[in-house]
Amino acid sequence: MAKKIIIYTDGAAQGNPGPGGYGVVLKFGDQEKELSQGYKHTTNNRMELLAVIKALEALKSTDYPVEIYSDSKYVVDAINKGWLRAWQKTGFKKKKNPDLWQQLIPLLNKYKPRFHWVKGHAGHAENERCDKLAVKAAQSNNLLEDKGFKPDLPLFD
């Protein structure tokens, strides 16, 4: 069987928005690596996207196929159903998280990963592991600022 890079990702937010984090498990043969980080004020969808970005940024080779497993319909459907291409054509007009989508696009072009949706909190071992990493990161004392997070502005003063 040909070698491939397998990536599992998850994002979490304690409140939405609120403190959040992402968790990643990368696998290649018998090698494994975990990544996680927490943020002070963010959303679940931003953390789901950031998990994929950070996973792809960690790769050092384009020589192997990449498979990404996520429980985020937001991420998986945006890519697999072609929504991302349509959003890109409209300059992400009225779409949330354009900063992260624009960060992800060159990584998608470079690594050409295949995306697979897995049901969250359903006993999938690696997804559960990523969830634990994301939640732990969100609850840590080492929270970063999510500089791209833009809270919805109030309609009235």
Protein backbone atom coordinates (compact mmCIF):
# COMPACT_ATOMS: atom_id res chain seq x y z
CA MET A 1 0.00 0.00 0.00
CA ALA A 2 1.35 3.44 -0.94
CA LYS A 3 2.21 5.74 1.91
CA LYS A 4 -0.02 8.71 2.57
CA ILE A 5 -0.32 11.46 5.14
CA ILE A 6 -3.42 11.17 7.30
CA ILE A 7 -4.61 14.24 9.19
CA TYR A 8 -7.36 14.45 11.80
CA THR A 9 -8.58 17.88 12.92
CA ASP A 10 -11.05 19.42 15.34
CA GLY A 11 -11.89 22.82 16.73
CA ALA A 12 -13.65 23.83 19.92
CA ALA A 13 -15.02 26.98 21.49
CA GLN A 14 -16.24 27.43 25.05
CA GLY A 15 -19.15 29.64 24.14
CA ASN A 16 -19.39 30.65 20.55
CA PRO A 17 -17.70 33.12 20.53
CA GLY A 18 -15.51 32.53 23.52
CA PRO A 19 -12.19 30.90 24.36
CA GLY A 20 -11.38 28.26 21.77
CA GLY A 21 -8.75 25.90 20.51
CA TYR A 22 -7.82 23.46 17.79
CA GLY A 23 -6.41 19.95 17.88
CA VAL A 24 -4.60 18.04 15.15
CA VAL A 25 -3.22 14.53 14.81
CA LEU A 26 -0.88 13.91 11.87
CA LYS A 27 0.06 10.36 10.85
CA PHE A 28 2.57 9.08 8.31
CA GLY A 29 3.40 5.39 8.53
CA ASP A 30 4.35 4.82 12.15
CA GLN A 31 5.10 8.51 12.76
CA GLU A 32 2.58 10.62 14.68
CA LYS A 33 2.49 14.25 15.75
CA GLU A 34 -0.06 16.25 17.72
CA LEU A 35 -0.65 19.99 17.41
CA SER A 36 -2.90 22.26 19.48
CA GLN A 37 -3.29 25.88 20.51
CA GLY A 38 -5.87 27.93 22.35
CA TYR A 39 -7.22 31.42 21.68
CA LYS A 40 -8.84 33.96 24.00
CA HIS A 41 -11.82 34.98 21.88
CA THR A 42 -12.83 33.07 18.77
CA THR A 43 -15.48 30.77 17.27
CA ASN A 44 -15.77 27.05 16.71
CA ASN A 45 -15.72 27.47 12.91
CA ARG A 46 -12.55 29.55 13.06
CA MET A 47 -10.88 26.83 15.13
CA GLU A 48 -12.06 24.10 12.72
CA LEU A 49 -10.48 26.04 9.85
CA LEU A 50 -7.32 26.89 11.77
CA ALA A 51 -6.81 23.22 12.62
CA VAL A 52 -6.69 22.36 8.91
CA ILE A 53 -4.39 25.31 8.16
CA LYS A 54 -1.94 24.44 10.95
CA ALA A 55 -1.93 20.77 9.95
CA LEU A 56 -1.07 21.58 6.33
CA GLU A 57 1.52 24.16 7.37
CA ALA A 58 3.26 21.44 9.40
CA LEU A 59 3.86 19.28 6.32
CA LYS A 60 7.31 19.23 4.79
CA SER A 61 6.67 17.27 1.59
CA THR A 62 4.27 17.26 -1.33
CA ASP A 63 5.42 13.77 -2.34
CA TYR A 64 2.54 11.90 -0.68
CA PRO A 65 -1.24 12.03 -0.92
CA VAL A 66 -2.92 13.85 1.96
CA GLU A 67 -6.21 12.75 3.53
CA ILE A 68 -7.94 15.05 6.03
CA TYR A 69 -10.67 13.87 8.40
CA SER A 70 -12.82 16.50 10.09
CA ASP A 71 -16.15 16.59 11.89
CA SER A 72 -16.78 20.09 10.50
CA LYS A 73 -19.41 20.14 7.76
CA TYR A 74 -18.55 23.84 7.40
CA VAL A 75 -15.00 23.00 6.28
CA VAL A 76 -15.56 19.70 4.49
CA ASP A 77 -18.64 20.81 2.54
CA ALA A 78 -17.11 24.17 1.61
CA ILE A 79 -14.30 22.32 -0.13
CA ASN A 80 -15.98 19.15 -1.39
CA LYS A 81 -19.12 20.90 -2.66
CA GLY A 82 -17.24 23.74 -4.36
CA TRP A 83 -18.59 26.51 -2.13
CA LEU A 84 -15.07 27.79 -1.45
CA ARG A 85 -14.43 28.39 -5.18
CA ALA A 86 -17.69 30.32 -5.44
CA TRP A 87 -16.89 32.39 -2.34
CA GLN A 88 -13.45 33.14 -3.73
CA LYS A 89 -14.97 34.43 -7.00
CA THR A 90 -17.16 36.88 -5.07
CA GLY A 91 -14.28 38.04 -2.87
CA PHE A 92 -15.89 36.32 0.13
CA LYS A 93 -18.61 38.97 0.12
CA LYS A 94 -20.86 38.47 3.16
CA LYS A 95 -18.94 35.32 4.16
CA LYS A 96 -17.38 34.78 7.57
CA ASN A 97 -13.71 34.03 8.14
CA PRO A 98 -12.33 35.28 4.80
CA ASP A 99 -8.89 35.71 6.38
CA LEU A 100 -8.66 31.99 7.20
CA TRP A 101 -10.17 30.81 3.91
CA GLN A 102 -7.62 32.94 2.04
CA GLN A 103 -4.85 31.47 4.17
CA LEU A 104 -6.10 27.95 3.41
CA ILE A 105 -6.43 28.27 -0.38
CA PRO A 106 -2.68 28.22 -1.23
CA LEU A 107 -2.23 25.22 1.08
CA LEU A 108 -5.05 23.39 -0.71
CA ASN A 109 -3.40 24.19 -4.04
CA LYS A 110 -0.02 22.98 -2.78
CA TYR A 111 -1.03 19.72 -1.09
CA LYS A 112 -4.31 18.89 -2.88
CA PRO A 113 -5.74 17.06 0.13
CA ARG A 114 -8.87 14.92 0.01
CA PHE A 115 -11.40 15.80 2.71
CA HIS A 116 -13.56 13.32 4.59
CA TRP A 117 -16.31 14.11 7.07
CA VAL A 118 -16.54 12.06 10.27
CA LYS A 119 -19.35 12.32 12.78
CA GLY A 120 -18.15 14.15 15.88
CA HIS A 121 -18.51 12.69 19.39
CA ALA A 122 -19.34 9.30 17.90
CA GLY A 123 -16.42 7.25 19.20
CA HIS A 124 -14.02 7.84 16.27
CA ALA A 125 -10.70 7.47 18.13
CA GLU A 126 -8.65 10.13 16.35
CA ASN A 127 -11.54 12.61 16.24
CA GLU A 128 -12.04 12.15 19.98
CA ARG A 129 -8.31 12.69 20.49
CA CYS A 130 -8.41 15.93 18.47
CA ASP A 131 -11.45 17.08 20.44
CA LYS A 132 -9.60 16.52 23.73
CA LEU A 133 -6.59 18.44 22.39
CA ALA A 134 -8.80 21.33 21.23
CA VAL A 135 -10.75 21.56 24.50
CA LYS A 136 -7.58 21.34 26.60
CA ALA A 137 -5.99 24.09 24.49
CA ALA A 138 -9.08 26.30 24.90
CA GLN A 139 -8.88 25.87 28.68
CA SER A 140 -5.13 26.46 28.96
CA ASN A 141 -3.39 29.48 30.45
CA ASN A 142 -1.47 29.98 27.19
CA LEU A 143 -4.24 31.55 25.06
CA LEU A 144 -3.31 33.66 22.06
CA GLU A 145 -5.25 36.49 20.44
CA ASP A 146 -7.19 35.44 17.35
CA LYS A 147 -6.26 38.57 15.41
CA GLY A 148 -8.66 37.77 12.57
CA PHE A 149 -11.72 37.34 14.77
CA LYS A 150 -14.27 40.07 14.12
CA PRO A 151 -17.20 39.96 16.51
CA ASP A 152 -20.53 40.85 14.98
CA LEU A 153 -20.95 44.58 15.50
CA PRO A 154 -24.02 45.76 17.41
CA LEU A 155 -26.77 47.30 15.31
CA PHE A 156 -27.31 50.13 17.78
CA ASP A 157 -25.22 52.08 20.28
